[in-house]
Amino acid sequence: MTSTPAAGSLAHGLSEPSRWVRRWAHLIAPGGTVLDVASGAGRHTRWLAGQGHPVTALDRDAAALATLHDVAGVATLKCDLEGAPWPLAPDAHFAAVVVTNYLHRPLMPRLIEALAPGGVLIYETFAQGNETVGKPSNPAFLLAPGELLAVCTPALRVIAYQDGFLSQPREAYIQRICAVREKTTSVPPERAGNVPEHQVLPVTRYDLTG
């Protein structure tokens, strides 16, 4: 298991969408479909649907997904993202894939392949160093330095990437990326998720709050 526990969420108890998601959502094609992975109760699903995007929300928590059933433009799918096959058809592609506070490394090639040409990956989750300030602290749930960047290249064109420390909404070490699958680029799945060995390295404190 390499998923980030919900109880350790950077936004646990908060309903506002991530600033990172809001910052880069303008890159999603107008009216483009969005895949919200490990959506929970759907703080991003709701916000993106409100921006005019049809959203498919994936999560294993049926009760959380049930809160989205009356939201216009939202489709929900209860699924085990870690112990079962990928729940979507191979030809299911999206204008954007959004993931926050969740890490299951074997899924990365699938997430990249789910992007349509021109599609945007907006990803934010915990990184090494977080064990010094709170949960999650299990190394399996924490990205190694530069790991998210390595996963996305060369399959995607990186628009923005940050790896460092956040003081708000609570202290946390995070990595986050916005990357685009260029329309002229086709990358085989076996290359898309080629990640180097994860190492625990000394953490430099770069404050990303500002």
N, C-alpha and C. Protein backbone atom coordinates (compact mmCIF):
# COMPACT_ATOMS: atom_id res chain seq x y z
N MET A 1 0.84 -1.20 0.00
CA MET A 1 0.00 0.00 0.00
C MET A 1 0.87 1.24 0.00
N THR A 2 0.66 2.12 -0.98
CA THR A 2 1.42 3.36 -1.03
C THR A 2 0.51 4.56 -1.17
N SER A 3 -0.71 4.41 -0.72
CA SER A 3 -1.64 5.53 -0.79
C SER A 3 -1.47 6.41 0.43
N THR A 4 -1.75 7.69 0.25
CA THR A 4 -1.69 8.61 1.38
C THR A 4 -2.95 8.51 2.20
N PRO A 5 -2.87 8.26 3.51
CA PRO A 5 -4.07 8.13 4.33
C PRO A 5 -4.87 9.42 4.34
N ALA A 6 -6.19 9.27 4.27
CA ALA A 6 -7.05 10.46 4.27
C ALA A 6 -6.87 11.27 5.54
N ALA A 7 -6.63 10.58 6.66
CA ALA A 7 -6.51 11.29 7.93
C ALA A 7 -5.31 12.22 7.94
N GLY A 8 -4.35 11.99 7.03
CA GLY A 8 -3.19 12.85 6.98
C GLY A 8 -3.30 13.93 5.94
N SER A 9 -4.48 14.13 5.41
CA SER A 9 -4.66 15.05 4.30
C SER A 9 -4.24 16.47 4.65
N LEU A 10 -3.58 17.11 3.68
CA LEU A 10 -3.18 18.50 3.84
C LEU A 10 -4.40 19.39 4.06
N ALA A 11 -5.53 18.97 3.53
CA ALA A 11 -6.73 19.80 3.64
C ALA A 11 -7.82 19.09 4.44
N HIS A 12 -7.41 18.21 5.34
CA HIS A 12 -8.39 17.48 6.14
C HIS A 12 -9.29 18.45 6.89
N GLY A 13 -10.60 18.29 6.70
CA GLY A 13 -11.55 19.16 7.38
C GLY A 13 -11.81 20.45 6.63
N LEU A 14 -11.16 20.65 5.49
CA LEU A 14 -11.36 21.87 4.72
C LEU A 14 -12.16 21.55 3.47
N SER A 15 -13.00 22.47 3.06
CA SER A 15 -13.82 22.25 1.87
C SER A 15 -13.33 23.06 0.68
N GLU A 16 -12.44 23.99 0.90
CA GLU A 16 -11.94 24.82 -0.19
C GLU A 16 -11.03 24.02 -1.10
N PRO A 17 -11.12 24.23 -2.41
CA PRO A 17 -10.19 23.54 -3.31
C PRO A 17 -8.77 24.03 -3.11
N SER A 18 -7.84 23.18 -3.44
CA SER A 18 -6.43 23.51 -3.32
C SER A 18 -6.09 24.76 -4.13
N ARG A 19 -5.24 25.60 -3.57
CA ARG A 19 -4.78 26.77 -4.32
C ARG A 19 -4.06 26.36 -5.59
N TRP A 20 -3.35 25.25 -5.53
CA TRP A 20 -2.61 24.78 -6.71
C TRP A 20 -3.58 24.40 -7.83
N VAL A 21 -4.66 23.72 -7.49
CA VAL A 21 -5.67 23.36 -8.48
C VAL A 21 -6.30 24.62 -9.07
N ARG A 22 -6.67 25.54 -8.21
CA ARG A 22 -7.29 26.78 -8.70
C ARG A 22 -6.33 27.59 -9.56
N ARG A 23 -5.05 27.56 -9.20
CA ARG A 23 -4.07 28.35 -9.94
C ARG A 23 -3.93 27.89 -11.38
N TRP A 24 -4.01 26.57 -11.62
CA TRP A 24 -3.71 26.04 -12.95
C TRP A 24 -4.93 25.53 -13.70
N ALA A 25 -6.11 25.61 -13.11
CA ALA A 25 -7.31 25.10 -13.78
C ALA A 25 -7.63 25.85 -15.06
N HIS A 26 -7.11 27.07 -15.22
CA HIS A 26 -7.39 27.82 -16.45
C HIS A 26 -6.77 27.16 -17.68
N LEU A 27 -5.83 26.23 -17.47
CA LEU A 27 -5.22 25.53 -18.59
C LEU A 27 -6.09 24.40 -19.13
N ILE A 28 -7.11 24.03 -18.38
CA ILE A 28 -8.03 22.98 -18.85
C ILE A 28 -8.89 23.55 -19.97
N ALA A 29 -9.03 22.81 -21.05
CA ALA A 29 -9.84 23.27 -22.18
C ALA A 29 -11.25 23.61 -21.72
N PRO A 30 -11.82 24.71 -22.19
CA PRO A 30 -13.19 25.08 -21.79
C PRO A 30 -14.16 23.93 -22.02
N GLY A 31 -14.88 23.56 -20.98
CA GLY A 31 -15.84 22.47 -21.09
C GLY A 31 -15.21 21.10 -21.12
N GLY A 32 -13.88 21.02 -20.95
CA GLY A 32 -13.18 19.74 -21.02
C GLY A 32 -13.50 18.85 -19.83
N THR A 33 -13.49 17.54 -20.08
CA THR A 33 -13.78 16.58 -19.02
C THR A 33 -12.60 16.44 -18.07
N VAL A 34 -12.90 16.20 -16.80
CA VAL A 34 -11.87 16.11 -15.76
C VAL A 34 -12.03 14.79 -15.00
N LEU A 35 -10.91 14.16 -14.70
CA LEU A 35 -10.89 12.99 -13.83
C LEU A 35 -10.33 13.40 -12.48
N ASP A 36 -11.13 13.26 -11.43
CA ASP A 36 -10.71 13.58 -10.07
C ASP A 36 -10.42 12.26 -9.36
N VAL A 37 -9.15 11.98 -9.14
CA VAL A 37 -8.71 10.69 -8.61
C VAL A 37 -8.61 10.76 -7.09
N ALA A 38 -9.18 9.74 -6.41
CA ALA A 38 -9.26 9.74 -4.95
C ALA A 38 -9.95 11.02 -4.48
N SER A 39 -11.13 11.23 -5.01
CA SER A 39 -11.85 12.50 -4.87
C SER A 39 -12.36 12.77 -3.48
N GLY A 40 -12.57 11.72 -2.67
CA GLY A 40 -13.22 11.93 -1.38
C GLY A 40 -14.61 12.50 -1.58
N ALA A 41 -14.97 13.45 -0.74
CA ALA A 41 -16.30 14.08 -0.83
C ALA A 41 -16.38 15.12 -1.95
N GLY A 42 -15.28 15.33 -2.65
CA GLY A 42 -15.36 16.08 -3.89
C GLY A 42 -15.16 17.57 -3.82
N ARG A 43 -14.26 18.06 -2.97
CA ARG A 43 -14.05 19.51 -2.94
C ARG A 43 -13.56 20.03 -4.30
N HIS A 44 -12.76 19.25 -5.00
CA HIS A 44 -12.32 19.67 -6.33
C HIS A 44 -13.36 19.33 -7.39
N THR A 45 -14.01 18.20 -7.23
CA THR A 45 -15.07 17.83 -8.17
C THR A 45 -16.13 18.92 -8.24
N ARG A 46 -16.59 19.37 -7.08
CA ARG A 46 -17.64 20.39 -7.03
C ARG A 46 -17.17 21.69 -7.67
N TRP A 47 -15.95 22.10 -7.32
CA TRP A 47 -15.45 23.37 -7.83
C TRP A 47 -15.25 23.31 -9.34
N LEU A 48 -14.69 22.22 -9.84
CA LEU A 48 -14.46 22.09 -11.28
C LEU A 48 -15.77 21.99 -12.05
N ALA A 49 -16.75 21.27 -11.49
CA ALA A 49 -18.06 21.21 -12.13
C ALA A 49 -18.68 22.60 -12.19
N GLY A 50 -18.45 23.40 -11.16
CA GLY A 50 -18.94 24.77 -11.15
C GLY A 50 -18.28 25.66 -12.18
N GLN A 51 -17.10 25.25 -12.65
CA GLN A 51 -16.41 25.98 -13.70
C GLN A 51 -16.82 25.51 -15.10
N GLY A 52 -17.77 24.57 -15.15
CA GLY A 52 -18.28 24.12 -16.44
C GLY A 52 -17.63 22.86 -16.98
N HIS A 53 -16.93 22.14 -16.12
CA HIS A 53 -16.26 20.91 -16.57
C HIS A 53 -17.04 19.68 -16.12
N PRO A 54 -17.41 18.78 -17.03
CA PRO A 54 -17.94 17.49 -16.60
C PRO A 54 -16.83 16.74 -15.87
N VAL A 55 -17.14 16.18 -14.70
CA VAL A 55 -16.13 15.56 -13.85
C VAL A 55 -16.52 14.12 -13.54
N THR A 56 -15.54 13.23 -13.66
CA THR A 56 -15.68 11.86 -13.17
C THR A 56 -14.87 11.74 -11.90
N ALA A 57 -15.53 11.40 -10.80
CA ALA A 57 -14.89 11.30 -9.50
C ALA A 57 -14.69 9.83 -9.13
N LEU A 58 -13.45 9.45 -8.86
CA LEU A 58 -13.11 8.09 -8.47
C LEU A 58 -12.74 8.05 -7.00
N ASP A 59 -13.30 7.11 -6.26
CA ASP A 59 -12.93 6.93 -4.87
C ASP A 59 -13.46 5.59 -4.39
N ARG A 60 -12.89 5.06 -3.31
CA ARG A 60 -13.37 3.80 -2.75
C ARG A 60 -14.44 4.01 -1.69
N ASP A 61 -14.66 5.26 -1.29
CA ASP A 61 -15.60 5.58 -0.21
C ASP A 61 -16.98 5.90 -0.80
N ALA A 62 -17.88 4.91 -0.74
CA ALA A 62 -19.21 5.08 -1.32
C ALA A 62 -19.97 6.21 -0.65
N ALA A 63 -19.82 6.35 0.65
CA ALA A 63 -20.54 7.40 1.37
C ALA A 63 -20.09 8.78 0.92
N ALA A 64 -18.79 8.95 0.71
CA ALA A 64 -18.29 10.24 0.24
C ALA A 64 -18.80 10.53 -1.17
N LEU A 65 -18.78 9.53 -2.04
CA LEU A 65 -19.26 9.73 -3.40
C LEU A 65 -20.75 10.03 -3.43
N ALA A 66 -21.49 9.48 -2.48
CA ALA A 66 -22.94 9.70 -2.45
C ALA A 66 -23.28 11.17 -2.26
N THR A 67 -22.40 11.93 -1.63
CA THR A 67 -22.66 13.36 -1.44
C THR A 67 -22.58 14.14 -2.75
N LEU A 68 -22.09 13.49 -3.81
CA LEU A 68 -21.94 14.16 -5.10
C LEU A 68 -23.05 13.81 -6.09
N HIS A 69 -23.95 12.93 -5.71
CA HIS A 69 -24.92 12.41 -6.66
C HIS A 69 -25.85 13.47 -7.23
N ASP A 70 -26.08 14.54 -6.49
CA ASP A 70 -26.99 15.58 -6.97
C ASP A 70 -26.26 16.77 -7.59
N VAL A 71 -24.96 16.64 -7.77
CA VAL A 71 -24.19 17.75 -8.35
C VAL A 71 -24.21 17.62 -9.87
N ALA A 72 -24.70 18.65 -10.53
CA ALA A 72 -24.81 18.62 -11.99
C ALA A 72 -23.43 18.48 -12.64
N GLY A 73 -23.38 17.63 -13.65
CA GLY A 73 -22.15 17.46 -14.41
C GLY A 73 -21.16 16.51 -13.79
N VAL A 74 -21.56 15.80 -12.74
CA VAL A 74 -20.63 14.91 -12.02
C VAL A 74 -21.08 13.46 -12.16
N ALA A 75 -20.14 12.61 -12.54
CA ALA A 75 -20.33 11.16 -12.52
C ALA A 75 -19.40 10.58 -11.48
N THR A 76 -19.88 9.62 -10.70
CA THR A 76 -19.05 9.01 -9.65
C THR A 76 -18.83 7.54 -9.96
N LEU A 77 -17.69 7.03 -9.51
CA LEU A 77 -17.38 5.62 -9.69
C LEU A 77 -16.66 5.11 -8.45
N LYS A 78 -17.30 4.22 -7.71
CA LYS A 78 -16.68 3.59 -6.55
C LYS A 78 -15.72 2.53 -7.06
N CYS A 79 -14.47 2.59 -6.63
CA CYS A 79 -13.48 1.65 -7.11
C CYS A 79 -12.32 1.56 -6.14
N ASP A 80 -11.66 0.42 -6.18
CA ASP A 80 -10.44 0.21 -5.41
C ASP A 80 -9.28 0.55 -6.33
N LEU A 81 -8.66 1.69 -6.12
CA LEU A 81 -7.61 2.16 -7.01
C LEU A 81 -6.30 1.41 -6.82
N GLU A 82 -6.22 0.62 -5.75
CA GLU A 82 -4.95 -0.04 -5.44
C GLU A 82 -5.00 -1.56 -5.53
N GLY A 83 -6.17 -2.15 -5.26
CA GLY A 83 -6.25 -3.60 -5.23
C GLY A 83 -7.04 -4.21 -6.35
N ALA A 84 -7.44 -3.41 -7.33
CA ALA A 84 -8.26 -3.90 -8.43
C ALA A 84 -7.75 -3.29 -9.74
N PRO A 85 -8.16 -3.85 -10.89
CA PRO A 85 -7.73 -3.27 -12.17
C PRO A 85 -8.24 -1.83 -12.32
N TRP A 86 -7.54 -1.08 -13.16
CA TRP A 86 -7.95 0.28 -13.50
C TRP A 86 -9.40 0.26 -13.95
N PRO A 87 -10.28 1.09 -13.35
CA PRO A 87 -11.71 0.95 -13.57
C PRO A 87 -12.24 1.55 -14.88
N LEU A 88 -11.42 2.30 -15.58
CA LEU A 88 -11.89 2.98 -16.79
C LEU A 88 -11.41 2.26 -18.04
N ALA A 89 -12.14 2.46 -19.11
CA ALA A 89 -11.77 1.85 -20.40
C ALA A 89 -10.43 2.42 -20.88
N PRO A 90 -9.66 1.63 -21.62
CA PRO A 90 -8.36 2.11 -22.11
C PRO A 90 -8.45 3.37 -22.97
N ASP A 91 -9.59 3.55 -23.65
CA ASP A 91 -9.74 4.72 -24.51
C ASP A 91 -10.40 5.90 -23.80
N ALA A 92 -10.55 5.82 -22.49
CA ALA A 92 -11.13 6.95 -21.72
C ALA A 92 -10.03 7.98 -21.48
N HIS A 93 -10.20 9.16 -22.07
CA HIS A 93 -9.21 10.22 -21.94
C HIS A 93 -9.89 11.51 -21.48
N PHE A 94 -9.10 12.35 -20.81
CA PHE A 94 -9.66 13.53 -20.15
C PHE A 94 -8.83 14.77 -20.47
N ALA A 95 -9.51 15.91 -20.41
CA ALA A 95 -8.81 17.18 -20.60
C ALA A 95 -7.95 17.52 -19.40
N ALA A 96 -8.23 16.89 -18.26
CA ALA A 96 -7.40 17.10 -17.07
C ALA A 96 -7.55 15.92 -16.12
N VAL A 97 -6.47 15.63 -15.41
CA VAL A 97 -6.48 14.68 -14.31
C VAL A 97 -6.00 15.43 -13.08
N VAL A 98 -6.80 15.38 -12.01
CA VAL A 98 -6.50 16.11 -10.78
C VAL A 98 -6.31 15.11 -9.64
N VAL A 99 -5.21 15.24 -8.93
CA VAL A 99 -4.92 14.38 -7.78
C VAL A 99 -4.34 15.24 -6.67
N THR A 100 -4.92 15.14 -5.48
CA THR A 100 -4.36 15.86 -4.33
C THR A 100 -4.35 14.95 -3.11
N ASN A 101 -3.26 15.03 -2.34
CA ASN A 101 -3.15 14.32 -1.07
C ASN A 101 -3.35 12.81 -1.22
N TYR A 102 -2.82 12.28 -2.30
CA TYR A 102 -2.95 10.85 -2.57
C TYR A 102 -1.72 10.39 -3.34
N LEU A 103 -1.20 9.21 -2.95
CA LEU A 103 -0.04 8.66 -3.63
C LEU A 103 -0.15 7.15 -3.70
N HIS A 104 -0.25 6.64 -4.90
CA HIS A 104 -0.13 5.20 -5.17
C HIS A 104 0.72 5.09 -6.43
N ARG A 105 1.98 4.86 -6.24
CA ARG A 105 2.96 4.96 -7.34
C ARG A 105 2.61 4.13 -8.57
N PRO A 106 2.11 2.89 -8.42
CA PRO A 106 1.78 2.13 -9.63
C PRO A 106 0.73 2.75 -10.53
N LEU A 107 -0.03 3.71 -10.00
CA LEU A 107 -1.07 4.37 -10.81
C LEU A 107 -0.51 5.43 -11.76
N MET A 108 0.69 5.89 -11.53
CA MET A 108 1.19 7.04 -12.29
C MET A 108 1.13 6.85 -13.80
N PRO A 109 1.56 5.71 -14.35
CA PRO A 109 1.45 5.55 -15.80
C PRO A 109 0.01 5.65 -16.29
N ARG A 110 -0.94 5.11 -15.51
CA ARG A 110 -2.35 5.18 -15.89
C ARG A 110 -2.85 6.62 -15.92
N LEU A 111 -2.44 7.41 -14.93
CA LEU A 111 -2.89 8.80 -14.87
C LEU A 111 -2.39 9.58 -16.08
N ILE A 112 -1.15 9.34 -16.44
CA ILE A 112 -0.58 10.04 -17.60
C ILE A 112 -1.26 9.60 -18.88
N GLU A 113 -1.50 8.30 -19.01
CA GLU A 113 -2.17 7.79 -20.21
C GLU A 113 -3.62 8.25 -20.31
N ALA A 114 -4.23 8.59 -19.16
CA ALA A 114 -5.61 9.06 -19.17
C ALA A 114 -5.75 10.47 -19.72
N LEU A 115 -4.65 11.16 -19.90
CA LEU A 115 -4.69 12.52 -20.45
C LEU A 115 -4.89 12.48 -21.96
N ALA A 116 -5.85 13.23 -22.43
CA ALA A 116 -5.99 13.43 -23.86
C ALA A 116 -4.86 14.33 -24.36
N PRO A 117 -4.57 14.31 -25.66
CA PRO A 117 -3.60 15.28 -26.18
C PRO A 117 -4.01 16.70 -25.78
N GLY A 118 -3.07 17.44 -25.20
CA GLY A 118 -3.38 18.76 -24.68
C GLY A 118 -3.90 18.74 -23.26
N GLY A 119 -4.06 17.54 -22.67
CA GLY A 119 -4.59 17.41 -21.33
C GLY A 119 -3.60 17.84 -20.26
N VAL A 120 -4.15 18.24 -19.10
CA VAL A 120 -3.35 18.82 -18.02
C VAL A 120 -3.38 17.90 -16.80
N LEU A 121 -2.21 17.60 -16.25
CA LEU A 121 -2.11 16.91 -14.97
C LEU A 121 -1.84 17.94 -13.89
N ILE A 122 -2.71 17.98 -12.88
CA ILE A 122 -2.53 18.86 -11.72
C ILE A 122 -2.44 17.97 -10.50
N TYR A 123 -1.27 17.90 -9.91
CA TYR A 123 -1.00 16.91 -8.85
C TYR A 123 -0.31 17.60 -7.69
N GLU A 124 -0.76 17.27 -6.47
CA GLU A 124 -0.17 17.82 -5.25
C GLU A 124 -0.30 16.79 -4.14
N THR A 125 0.84 16.44 -3.51
CA THR A 125 0.77 15.54 -2.36
C THR A 125 2.01 15.69 -1.49
N PHE A 126 2.11 14.86 -0.47
CA PHE A 126 3.14 15.03 0.56
C PHE A 126 4.50 14.52 0.10
N ALA A 127 5.55 15.09 0.71
CA ALA A 127 6.92 14.77 0.34
C ALA A 127 7.74 14.48 1.59
N GLN A 128 8.91 13.88 1.35
CA GLN A 128 9.82 13.61 2.45
C GLN A 128 10.13 14.90 3.22
N GLY A 129 10.20 14.78 4.52
CA GLY A 129 10.31 15.92 5.40
C GLY A 129 9.03 16.12 6.19
N ASN A 130 7.91 15.62 5.62
CA ASN A 130 6.63 15.78 6.32
C ASN A 130 6.61 15.03 7.64
N GLU A 131 7.44 13.99 7.75
CA GLU A 131 7.49 13.23 9.00
C GLU A 131 8.00 14.08 10.16
N THR A 132 8.62 15.23 9.87
CA THR A 132 9.13 16.10 10.92
C THR A 132 8.08 17.06 11.44
N VAL A 133 6.94 17.17 10.74
CA VAL A 133 5.93 18.15 11.14
C VAL A 133 4.55 17.54 11.38
N GLY A 134 4.37 16.26 11.02
CA GLY A 134 3.06 15.66 11.23
C GLY A 134 2.84 14.44 10.38
N LYS A 135 1.58 14.13 10.13
CA LYS A 135 1.18 12.99 9.33
C LYS A 135 0.86 13.43 7.91
N PRO A 136 1.05 12.52 6.91
CA PRO A 136 1.63 11.20 7.03
C PRO A 136 3.13 11.24 7.27
N SER A 137 3.63 10.20 7.94
CA SER A 137 5.05 10.11 8.23
C SER A 137 5.68 8.84 7.65
N ASN A 138 4.84 7.93 7.19
CA ASN A 138 5.33 6.70 6.57
C ASN A 138 6.03 7.03 5.26
N PRO A 139 7.28 6.60 5.07
CA PRO A 139 7.99 6.91 3.83
C PRO A 139 7.26 6.46 2.58
N ALA A 140 6.43 5.41 2.69
CA ALA A 140 5.70 4.93 1.52
C ALA A 140 4.71 5.96 1.00
N PHE A 141 4.31 6.90 1.87
CA PHE A 141 3.34 7.91 1.48
C PHE A 141 3.98 9.24 1.10
N LEU A 142 5.31 9.30 1.10
CA LEU A 142 6.01 10.57 0.91
C LEU A 142 6.89 10.51 -0.33
N LEU A 143 6.73 11.47 -1.21
CA LEU A 143 7.53 11.54 -2.42
C LEU A 143 8.99 11.85 -2.09
N ALA A 144 9.89 11.18 -2.77
CA ALA A 144 11.31 11.48 -2.64
C ALA A 144 11.63 12.78 -3.37
N PRO A 145 12.73 13.43 -3.02
CA PRO A 145 13.09 14.68 -3.70
C PRO A 145 13.12 14.50 -5.22
N GLY A 146 12.37 15.34 -5.90
CA GLY A 146 12.33 15.31 -7.36
C GLY A 146 11.53 14.18 -7.96
N GLU A 147 10.90 13.35 -7.14
CA GLU A 147 10.22 12.16 -7.67
C GLU A 147 9.06 12.49 -8.60
N LEU A 148 8.22 13.42 -8.21
CA LEU A 148 7.06 13.75 -9.04
C LEU A 148 7.50 14.33 -10.38
N LEU A 149 8.54 15.11 -10.37
CA LEU A 149 9.09 15.66 -11.61
C LEU A 149 9.60 14.54 -12.50
N ALA A 150 10.32 13.58 -11.91
CA ALA A 150 10.87 12.48 -12.68
C ALA A 150 9.78 11.61 -13.30
N VAL A 151 8.69 11.43 -12.58
CA VAL A 151 7.58 10.63 -13.08
C VAL A 151 6.97 11.25 -14.34
N CYS A 152 6.90 12.56 -14.35
CA CYS A 152 6.16 13.25 -15.42
C CYS A 152 7.00 13.53 -16.66
N THR A 153 8.31 13.45 -16.55
CA THR A 153 9.15 13.72 -17.71
C THR A 153 9.81 12.43 -18.17
N PRO A 154 9.95 12.25 -19.50
CA PRO A 154 9.66 13.19 -20.58
C PRO A 154 8.25 13.08 -21.15
N ALA A 155 7.38 12.31 -20.50
CA ALA A 155 6.05 12.09 -21.07
C ALA A 155 5.25 13.37 -21.21
N LEU A 156 5.43 14.31 -20.26
CA LEU A 156 4.65 15.53 -20.23
C LEU A 156 5.56 16.75 -20.25
N ARG A 157 5.00 17.86 -20.72
CA ARG A 157 5.70 19.14 -20.65
C ARG A 157 5.36 19.80 -19.32
N VAL A 158 6.35 20.03 -18.50
CA VAL A 158 6.13 20.59 -17.17
C VAL A 158 5.94 22.10 -17.26
N ILE A 159 4.83 22.57 -16.74
CA ILE A 159 4.52 24.00 -16.72
C ILE A 159 5.00 24.62 -15.41
N ALA A 160 4.80 23.91 -14.30
CA ALA A 160 5.22 24.42 -13.00
C ALA A 160 5.45 23.24 -12.08
N TYR A 161 6.46 23.39 -11.21
CA TYR A 161 6.78 22.32 -10.25
C TYR A 161 7.35 22.97 -8.99
N GLN A 162 6.89 22.48 -7.84
CA GLN A 162 7.41 22.95 -6.57
C GLN A 162 7.65 21.77 -5.64
N ASP A 163 8.70 21.87 -4.85
CA ASP A 163 9.07 20.82 -3.91
C ASP A 163 9.60 21.52 -2.66
N GLY A 164 8.81 21.53 -1.59
CA GLY A 164 9.27 22.25 -0.41
C GLY A 164 8.27 22.29 0.72
N PHE A 165 8.35 23.35 1.50
CA PHE A 165 7.61 23.46 2.75
C PHE A 165 6.47 24.46 2.64
N LEU A 166 5.30 24.08 3.18
CA LEU A 166 4.14 24.97 3.28
C LEU A 166 3.81 25.19 4.75
N SER A 167 3.54 26.43 5.12
CA SER A 167 3.13 26.71 6.49
C SER A 167 1.62 26.78 6.64
N GLN A 168 0.88 26.94 5.53
CA GLN A 168 -0.58 27.04 5.56
C GLN A 168 -1.16 26.11 4.50
N PRO A 169 -2.35 25.48 4.73
CA PRO A 169 -3.23 25.64 5.89
C PRO A 169 -2.69 24.97 7.16
N ARG A 170 -1.70 24.10 7.02
CA ARG A 170 -0.95 23.61 8.16
C ARG A 170 0.45 23.27 7.66
N GLU A 171 1.40 23.15 8.57
CA GLU A 171 2.76 22.86 8.16
C GLU A 171 2.82 21.51 7.44
N ALA A 172 3.47 21.51 6.29
CA ALA A 172 3.58 20.27 5.51
C ALA A 172 4.68 20.43 4.48
N TYR A 173 5.31 19.32 4.16
CA TYR A 173 6.23 19.26 3.03
C TYR A 173 5.47 18.65 1.87
N ILE A 174 5.56 19.28 0.73
CA ILE A 174 4.76 18.84 -0.41
C ILE A 174 5.58 18.89 -1.69
N GLN A 175 5.08 18.16 -2.69
CA GLN A 175 5.48 18.36 -4.07
C GLN A 175 4.21 18.57 -4.88
N ARG A 176 4.31 19.44 -5.87
CA ARG A 176 3.15 19.67 -6.73
C ARG A 176 3.62 20.03 -8.12
N ILE A 177 2.81 19.61 -9.09
CA ILE A 177 3.21 19.79 -10.47
C ILE A 177 1.99 20.12 -11.32
N CYS A 178 2.21 20.91 -12.34
CA CYS A 178 1.24 21.10 -13.42
C CYS A 178 1.98 20.77 -14.70
N ALA A 179 1.47 19.81 -15.44
CA ALA A 179 2.17 19.35 -16.65
C ALA A 179 1.15 19.02 -17.72
N VAL A 180 1.55 19.17 -18.97
CA VAL A 180 0.64 19.02 -20.11
C VAL A 180 1.12 17.92 -21.03
N ARG A 181 0.20 17.11 -21.49
CA ARG A 181 0.52 16.14 -22.53
C ARG A 181 0.37 16.83 -23.88
N GLU A 182 1.49 17.16 -24.47
CA GLU A 182 1.45 17.94 -25.70
C GLU A 182 0.78 17.16 -26.82
N LYS A 183 0.11 17.87 -27.69
CA LYS A 183 -0.72 17.24 -28.72
C LYS A 183 0.11 16.43 -29.72
N THR A 184 1.37 16.76 -29.86
CA THR A 184 2.21 16.08 -30.83
C THR A 184 3.03 14.96 -30.21
N THR A 185 2.84 14.72 -28.90
CA THR A 185 3.69 13.76 -28.19
C THR A 185 2.91 12.51 -27.85
N SER A 186 3.49 11.37 -28.14
CA SER A 186 2.92 10.08 -27.76
C SER A 186 3.98 9.28 -27.02
N VAL A 187 3.72 8.95 -25.77
CA VAL A 187 4.69 8.25 -24.94
C VAL A 187 4.12 6.92 -24.50
N PRO A 188 4.83 5.82 -24.76
CA PRO A 188 4.34 4.50 -24.33
C PRO A 188 4.16 4.45 -22.82
N PRO A 189 3.17 3.67 -22.34
CA PRO A 189 2.92 3.59 -20.90
C PRO A 189 4.13 3.14 -20.11
N GLU A 190 4.95 2.24 -20.70
CA GLU A 190 6.09 1.75 -19.95
C GLU A 190 7.13 2.83 -19.69
N ARG A 191 7.12 3.92 -20.50
CA ARG A 191 8.02 5.03 -20.28
C ARG A 191 7.41 6.06 -19.35
N ALA A 192 6.09 6.16 -19.40
CA ALA A 192 5.42 7.24 -18.67
C ALA A 192 5.61 7.13 -17.17
N GLY A 193 5.76 5.92 -16.65
CA GLY A 193 5.86 5.77 -15.21
C GLY A 193 7.23 5.30 -14.76
N ASN A 194 8.25 5.58 -15.54
CA ASN A 194 9.59 5.11 -15.20
C ASN A 194 10.20 6.01 -14.14
N VAL A 195 10.23 5.53 -12.90
CA VAL A 195 10.65 6.35 -11.77
C VAL A 195 11.93 5.78 -11.20
N PRO A 196 12.90 6.62 -10.87
CA PRO A 196 14.13 6.12 -10.26
C PRO A 196 13.88 5.58 -8.87
N GLU A 197 14.86 4.86 -8.35
CA GLU A 197 14.76 4.33 -7.00
C GLU A 197 14.52 5.46 -6.00
N HIS A 198 13.64 5.22 -5.02
CA HIS A 198 13.33 6.23 -4.01
C HIS A 198 14.35 6.17 -2.89
N GLN A 199 14.92 7.31 -2.57
CA GLN A 199 15.90 7.37 -1.52
C GLN A 199 15.47 8.42 -0.50
N VAL A 200 15.78 8.14 0.75
CA VAL A 200 15.54 9.13 1.79
C VAL A 200 16.76 10.02 1.87
N LEU A 201 16.57 11.28 1.51
CA LEU A 201 17.66 12.23 1.45
C LEU A 201 17.43 13.37 2.44
N PRO A 202 18.47 14.10 2.82
CA PRO A 202 18.26 15.28 3.67
C PRO A 202 17.30 16.25 3.01
N VAL A 203 16.43 16.84 3.82
CA VAL A 203 15.40 17.73 3.29
C VAL A 203 15.82 19.19 3.47
N THR A 204 15.78 19.94 2.39
CA THR A 204 16.02 21.38 2.46
C THR A 204 14.68 22.08 2.61
N ARG A 205 14.59 23.04 3.48
CA ARG A 205 13.32 23.71 3.76
C ARG A 205 13.17 24.93 2.84
N TYR A 206 12.42 24.75 1.75
CA TYR A 206 12.06 25.85 0.87
C TYR A 206 10.62 26.22 1.17
N ASP A 207 10.40 27.43 1.61
CA ASP A 207 9.05 27.84 1.98
C ASP A 207 8.28 28.22 0.73
N LEU A 208 7.17 27.51 0.46
CA LEU A 208 6.38 27.73 -0.74
C LEU A 208 5.09 28.52 -0.47
N THR A 209 4.94 29.00 0.74
CA THR A 209 3.69 29.64 1.13
C THR A 209 3.42 30.91 0.36
N GLY A 210 4.45 31.68 0.11
CA GLY A 210 4.26 32.95 -0.53
C GLY A 210 3.91 32.87 -2.00
